[in-house]
Protein backbone atom coordinates (compact mmCIF):
# COMPACT_ATOMS: atom_id res chain seq x y z
CA MET A 1 12.72 -20.75 -3.45
CA THR A 2 14.76 -18.40 -6.28
CA THR A 3 14.94 -18.47 -10.43
CA THR A 4 17.56 -17.69 -12.07
CA ILE A 5 16.25 -15.77 -15.40
CA GLY A 6 19.59 -13.93 -17.18
CA SER A 7 21.33 -11.27 -15.17
CA LEU A 8 18.04 -12.09 -12.36
CA THR A 9 16.81 -13.25 -9.92
CA VAL A 10 14.04 -13.65 -8.16
CA GLY A 11 11.52 -15.31 -5.43
CA PRO A 12 8.68 -16.80 -5.57
CA HIS A 13 6.06 -13.96 -5.71
CA CYS A 14 5.44 -11.14 -8.29
CA LEU A 15 3.46 -7.97 -7.27
CA GLY A 16 0.78 -7.28 -10.45
CA THR A 17 0.29 -3.25 -9.86
CA ASN A 18 -2.37 -3.26 -13.27
CA VAL A 19 -4.73 -1.93 -10.02
CA PHE A 20 -2.12 1.32 -9.53
CA GLY A 21 -4.00 4.39 -11.17
CA ARG A 22 -7.35 2.65 -11.33
CA SER A 23 -8.40 1.72 -7.60
CA VAL A 24 -6.06 1.73 -5.39
CA ASP A 25 -4.65 5.43 -4.83
CA ALA A 26 -0.06 6.74 -4.56
CA ALA A 27 -1.04 6.39 -1.04
CA GLY A 28 -2.60 2.75 -1.23
CA ALA A 29 0.09 1.68 -3.72
CA ALA A 30 3.04 3.00 -1.44
CA ARG A 31 1.87 0.51 1.57
CA ILE A 32 0.83 -2.35 -0.75
CA LEU A 33 4.66 -2.43 -1.98
CA ASP A 34 5.75 -1.90 1.28
CA ALA A 35 3.71 -4.66 2.62
CA PHE A 36 5.23 -6.93 -0.07
CA VAL A 37 9.17 -6.34 0.58
CA ASP A 38 7.54 -7.03 4.14
CA GLY A 39 6.57 -10.07 3.13
CA GLY A 40 9.83 -11.56 1.65
CA GLY A 41 8.05 -10.29 -1.75
CA ASP A 42 11.12 -8.27 -4.38
CA HIS A 43 9.06 -8.74 -7.59
CA VAL A 44 6.72 -6.18 -8.95
CA ASP A 45 5.24 -6.37 -12.55
CA THR A 46 4.33 -3.15 -14.27
CA ALA A 47 3.52 -1.62 -18.06
CA ALA A 48 2.99 2.05 -19.51
CA LEU A 49 -0.52 1.33 -20.18
CA TYR A 50 -1.66 0.51 -16.42
CA GLY A 51 -3.99 3.22 -14.59
CA GLY A 52 -3.39 5.87 -17.77
CA HIS A 53 1.24 5.48 -16.45
CA LEU A 54 0.24 6.25 -12.83
CA SER A 55 1.07 2.31 -12.24
CA GLU A 56 4.97 3.36 -13.26
CA THR A 57 4.66 6.48 -11.83
CA TYR A 58 3.21 6.21 -7.94
CA ILE A 59 6.24 2.86 -8.17
CA GLY A 60 8.87 5.55 -8.90
CA GLN A 61 7.59 7.83 -5.95
CA TRP A 62 8.01 4.88 -3.78
CA GLY A 63 11.24 4.41 -4.29
CA LYS A 64 12.12 1.58 -3.18
CA ARG A 65 14.90 0.40 -6.13
CA ASP A 66 17.82 -1.80 -4.22
CA GLY A 67 16.31 -5.78 -3.91
CA VAL A 68 13.42 -5.39 -6.08
CA VAL A 69 12.83 -6.59 -9.16
CA ILE A 70 10.82 -4.44 -11.90
CA ALA A 71 9.53 -5.55 -14.53
CA THR A 72 7.55 -3.09 -17.00
CA LYS A 73 5.88 -4.00 -20.15
CA ILE A 74 5.96 -1.35 -23.65
CA GLY A 75 3.80 -1.65 -27.12
CA TRP A 76 0.38 -2.85 -26.23
CA PRO A 77 -1.33 -1.77 -29.93
CA ASP A 78 -4.46 0.46 -28.06
CA ASP A 79 -1.96 2.22 -25.44
CA PRO A 80 -2.54 6.19 -26.25
CA THR A 81 0.98 7.01 -26.29
CA HIS A 82 2.89 4.71 -27.97
CA PRO A 83 1.18 1.45 -29.82
CA GLY A 84 2.94 -0.92 -30.80
CA LEU A 85 6.68 -2.17 -31.36
CA LYS A 86 7.97 -0.14 -33.63
CA PRO A 87 11.59 1.33 -33.79
CA GLU A 88 11.29 4.49 -32.55
CA THR A 89 8.14 3.82 -30.40
CA VAL A 90 9.84 0.87 -28.62
CA ARG A 91 12.75 3.33 -27.54
CA ALA A 92 10.73 6.01 -26.74
CA SER A 93 8.41 4.07 -24.25
CA VAL A 94 11.09 2.80 -22.62
CA ASP A 95 12.28 6.42 -22.00
CA GLY A 96 9.01 6.74 -20.65
CA CYS A 97 9.15 3.53 -18.32
CA LEU A 98 12.59 4.84 -17.32
CA GLN A 99 11.31 8.08 -16.33
CA ARG A 100 8.34 7.58 -14.34
CA LEU A 101 9.50 4.62 -12.55
CA ARG A 102 12.68 7.76 -11.67
CA THR A 103 14.99 5.33 -12.67
CA ASP A 104 18.19 4.36 -14.78
CA ARG A 105 17.21 1.34 -15.98
CA ILE A 106 14.64 -1.86 -16.52
CA ASP A 107 15.25 -5.18 -14.61
CA LEU A 108 13.15 -7.10 -17.16
CA LEU A 109 10.94 -5.22 -20.18
CA TYR A 110 8.41 -7.78 -21.92
CA THR A 111 6.09 -6.81 -25.53
CA HIS A 112 3.41 -6.48 -23.79
CA HIS A 113 1.73 -7.32 -27.48
CA ASP A 114 3.64 -8.82 -30.36
CA ASP A 115 3.08 -6.27 -33.50
CA ALA A 116 3.00 -8.60 -36.48
CA SER A 117 3.29 -5.03 -38.31
CA VAL A 118 7.26 -5.21 -37.55
CA THR A 119 9.88 -8.28 -38.97
CA VAL A 120 11.71 -10.35 -35.87
CA PRO A 121 14.66 -8.75 -36.00
CA GLN A 122 13.65 -4.98 -36.03
CA ILE A 123 11.86 -6.35 -32.67
CA ILE A 124 15.32 -7.43 -31.43
CA ASP A 125 17.84 -5.48 -32.82
CA THR A 126 15.84 -2.19 -30.69
CA LEU A 127 15.91 -4.76 -27.87
CA ASP A 128 19.53 -5.06 -27.98
CA ASP A 129 20.41 -2.54 -28.63
CA LEU A 130 18.49 -0.93 -25.41
CA VAL A 131 20.09 -3.65 -23.32
CA ARG A 132 23.32 -2.16 -24.53
CA ALA A 133 23.23 1.04 -23.84
CA GLY A 134 22.41 -0.30 -19.65
CA LYS A 135 18.44 0.86 -20.04
CA VAL A 136 17.02 -2.86 -19.92
CA ARG A 137 18.72 -5.46 -18.24
CA GLU A 138 17.35 -8.20 -19.55
CA ILE A 139 13.73 -8.57 -21.80
CA ALA A 140 10.94 -10.99 -22.02
CA ALA A 141 7.48 -11.29 -24.18
CA SER A 142 4.01 -11.55 -23.68
CA ASN A 143 0.73 -11.92 -26.05
CA VAL A 144 3.26 -13.50 -28.77
CA SER A 145 2.53 -17.02 -30.68
CA PRO A 146 4.13 -20.01 -30.18
CA GLU A 147 5.35 -19.14 -34.31
CA ARG A 148 6.84 -15.78 -33.05
CA LEU A 149 8.09 -16.27 -30.45
CA THR A 150 10.60 -19.16 -31.20
CA GLU A 151 11.68 -16.92 -34.55
CA SER A 152 12.88 -14.68 -32.32
CA LEU A 153 14.61 -16.47 -29.62
CA GLU A 154 15.68 -17.82 -33.02
CA TYR A 155 17.08 -15.21 -33.94
CA SER A 156 18.23 -14.42 -30.94
CA ALA A 157 21.12 -16.43 -30.68
CA THR A 158 21.60 -17.18 -34.42
CA GLU A 159 22.45 -13.42 -34.14
CA GLY A 160 23.97 -13.11 -30.73
CA LYS A 161 21.15 -11.06 -29.56
CA ALA A 162 19.59 -10.00 -26.48
CA ALA A 163 16.98 -13.34 -25.95
CA TYR A 164 13.80 -12.94 -24.31
CA VAL A 165 14.63 -14.66 -20.76
CA ALA A 166 10.20 -14.96 -20.32
CA LEU A 167 7.19 -15.06 -20.95
CA GLN A 168 3.79 -13.41 -20.08
CA PRO A 169 0.71 -15.74 -20.75
CA HIS A 170 -2.52 -15.30 -20.17
CA TYR A 171 -2.71 -18.92 -18.02
CA SER A 172 -4.87 -20.37 -14.24
CA LEU A 173 -7.12 -22.53 -13.67
CA MET A 174 -9.45 -21.24 -15.61
CA SER A 175 -7.83 -20.14 -19.12
CA ARG A 176 -5.38 -23.32 -19.73
CA ASP A 177 -6.29 -23.90 -23.27
CA SER A 178 -4.24 -20.31 -24.65
CA TYR A 179 -1.27 -21.35 -22.94
CA GLU A 180 -1.22 -25.13 -22.51
CA GLY A 181 -0.22 -26.57 -25.43
CA PRO A 182 2.98 -25.18 -28.57
CA LEU A 183 3.27 -21.90 -26.28
CA ALA A 184 4.12 -23.99 -23.48
CA ALA A 185 6.06 -26.28 -25.12
CA VAL A 186 9.14 -23.05 -26.53
CA ALA A 187 9.35 -22.41 -23.13
CA GLU A 188 10.44 -25.51 -21.92
CA LYS A 189 12.06 -26.15 -25.17
CA PHE A 190 14.20 -22.22 -24.74
CA ASP A 191 14.47 -23.31 -20.60
CA LEU A 192 11.34 -19.64 -20.31
CA ALA A 193 10.56 -18.54 -17.01
CA VAL A 194 7.10 -18.34 -17.19
CA PHE A 195 5.45 -15.26 -14.71
CA PRO A 196 1.49 -16.12 -15.55
CA TYR A 197 -0.54 -13.42 -15.61
CA PHE A 198 -4.54 -12.89 -13.92
CA SER A 199 -3.61 -16.13 -12.54
CA LEU A 200 -6.81 -15.98 -10.56
CA ALA A 201 -8.84 -15.79 -13.14
CA MET A 202 -9.70 -11.40 -12.42
CA GLY A 203 -9.99 -12.81 -7.98
CA PHE A 204 -12.57 -14.93 -9.63
CA LEU A 205 -10.14 -18.38 -7.72
CA THR A 206 -10.56 -16.20 -4.42
CA GLY A 207 -13.35 -18.01 -4.35
CA LYS A 208 -15.42 -14.81 -3.07
CA HIS A 209 -17.74 -14.60 -6.95
CA ARG A 210 -20.20 -16.88 -6.57
CA PRO A 211 -23.87 -16.92 -7.93
CA GLY A 212 -26.34 -15.18 -6.37
CA VAL A 213 -23.16 -12.89 -4.39
CA GLU A 214 -22.51 -9.40 -4.81
CA VAL A 215 -18.73 -9.04 -4.43
CA ASP A 216 -17.03 -5.33 -4.31
CA SER A 217 -14.35 -5.47 -7.45
CA VAL A 218 -13.35 -3.62 -10.41
CA ARG A 219 -13.71 -7.22 -12.31
CA GLY A 220 -16.77 -8.08 -11.38
CA GLY A 221 -17.77 -7.93 -15.54
CA GLY A 222 -14.06 -10.02 -15.65
CA VAL A 223 -15.35 -12.07 -13.34
CA ALA A 224 -18.66 -12.70 -15.19
CA GLN A 225 -17.42 -14.99 -17.48
CA TYR A 226 -16.71 -17.84 -14.60
CA VAL A 227 -20.02 -17.60 -12.69
CA GLY A 228 -22.48 -20.06 -12.69
CA THR A 229 -20.33 -21.83 -15.48
CA GLU A 230 -19.89 -25.96 -15.23
CA ARG A 231 -16.06 -25.15 -15.08
CA GLY A 232 -16.47 -22.70 -12.68
CA ASN A 233 -18.68 -24.26 -10.86
CA LYS A 234 -15.71 -27.61 -10.80
CA VAL A 235 -12.72 -25.05 -10.07
CA LEU A 236 -14.65 -23.40 -7.12
CA ALA A 237 -15.92 -26.82 -6.18
CA ALA A 238 -12.26 -28.75 -6.03
CA LEU A 239 -10.82 -25.18 -4.64
CA ASP A 240 -13.17 -25.83 -1.57
CA ALA A 241 -12.71 -29.43 -1.05
CA VAL A 242 -8.81 -28.18 -0.51
CA ALA A 243 -9.30 -25.98 1.43
CA ALA A 244 -11.04 -27.83 4.13
CA GLN A 245 -8.25 -30.42 4.15
CA THR A 246 -5.34 -28.16 4.12
CA GLY A 247 -6.98 -24.97 5.55
CA ALA A 248 -5.28 -22.21 3.35
CA GLU A 249 -7.38 -20.01 0.98
CA PRO A 250 -9.18 -20.54 -2.37
CA ALA A 251 -6.03 -17.61 -3.83
CA SER A 252 -3.46 -19.60 -2.32
CA ILE A 253 -4.28 -23.16 -3.51
CA ALA A 254 -4.60 -21.77 -6.83
CA LEU A 255 -1.85 -20.06 -6.75
CA ALA A 256 0.24 -22.85 -5.71
CA TRP A 257 -1.43 -25.26 -8.80
CA LEU A 258 0.02 -22.29 -11.15
CA SER A 259 3.42 -22.47 -8.94
CA SER A 260 4.03 -26.32 -9.76
CA ARG A 261 3.39 -26.46 -13.48
CA LYS A 262 6.60 -26.94 -15.88
CA GLN A 263 8.26 -23.88 -16.28
CA VAL A 264 6.88 -21.20 -13.83
CA ALA A 265 8.28 -19.30 -11.74
CA ALA A 266 6.39 -16.96 -9.89
CA PRO A 267 2.26 -16.41 -10.82
CA ILE A 268 1.52 -12.89 -10.50
CA ALA A 269 -0.59 -11.42 -8.69
CA SER A 270 -2.53 -7.86 -7.81
CA ALA A 271 -3.94 -6.35 -4.68
CA ARG A 272 -5.91 -4.18 -4.37
CA LYS A 273 -6.48 -4.22 -0.18
CA LEU A 274 -3.44 -4.56 2.41
CA SER A 275 -5.69 -7.61 3.28
CA GLN A 276 -5.91 -9.63 0.62
CA LEU A 277 -1.60 -9.95 0.13
CA PRO A 278 -1.58 -12.44 3.13
CA ALA A 279 -3.06 -14.72 1.17
CA LEU A 280 -0.46 -14.02 -1.25
CA LEU A 281 2.54 -15.01 0.06
CA ALA A 282 1.37 -17.84 1.21
CA ALA A 283 1.07 -19.51 -2.23
CA SER A 284 5.48 -20.25 -1.85
CA SER A 285 4.77 -22.42 1.76
CA LEU A 286 1.64 -24.49 1.46
CA LYS A 287 2.01 -28.02 0.13
CA LEU A 288 0.18 -29.39 -2.00
CA THR A 289 -0.16 -32.49 -2.27
CA GLN A 290 0.48 -34.44 -5.35
CA SER A 291 -4.00 -35.87 -5.42
CA HIS A 292 -4.91 -32.25 -4.42
CA LEU A 293 -2.81 -31.32 -7.73
CA ASP A 294 -4.66 -33.92 -10.01
CA ALA A 295 -8.01 -32.60 -8.79
CA LEU A 296 -7.79 -29.30 -9.46
CA THR A 297 -6.29 -30.47 -12.37
CA LEU A 298 -8.79 -32.46 -13.46
CA ALA A 299 -11.65 -29.67 -12.38
CA SER A 300 -10.77 -27.31 -14.38
CA ALA A 301 -9.69 -29.23 -17.65
């Protein structure tokens, strides 16, 4: 199963690399990337900010560019070197990404976070220039309001500029409110491919994090917001029930649920160990029944 996004075609798996440079070194990153591609993956997601630029650097050092769609993100407001989306910042950010990734073009470039101090025409015009220059193939957005996303897409259509083809929202069984509703409606109206981040709720949806259980995780602090809560307990119970019926791991089930949602092309999920990859790759072949999907949807409501 593949999805066409503008001039790009991607499969049902997207490897997140925000752990590269934090809990995964260059050698480990190369092993994970090799195993991901060997397992059928063809879409890698990174950002200028990840690992203090090391995520992009490790991917560039890995160097296996052909047949792999590489997405990166620029414009995080707290980026110490290139914060925000002012035209000169965007251009400098992209040049830095190209250098670190050791490539001549970025397949999919996201604005990592909207910048209200910059007008929509300024942002889109700058991105359009980068597309026309051949430095970027397609553009996309993350952490953006429905109103600004709509304004951006309408401006692109009216002015004949490059247009966002994808959206990267925070979306999972444990985080539905920020995407479902107006933002999802915009994605559907403009037929945007959706690639959710934190699709496993920082590891909570693997089923490892439970009350009284200590887990070796770099995201333990973030996961703590879900452990032992009424909603968290309901979701884990639903995952356990589906796992008992299907034999699949909770992570695979959680990703398969996301993949069943409208406009979702592939959930983004990261791995810091090779042993974590099989559950991520198994999600696309997992066939959940409608009753399975309904149970998960109800538990996470």
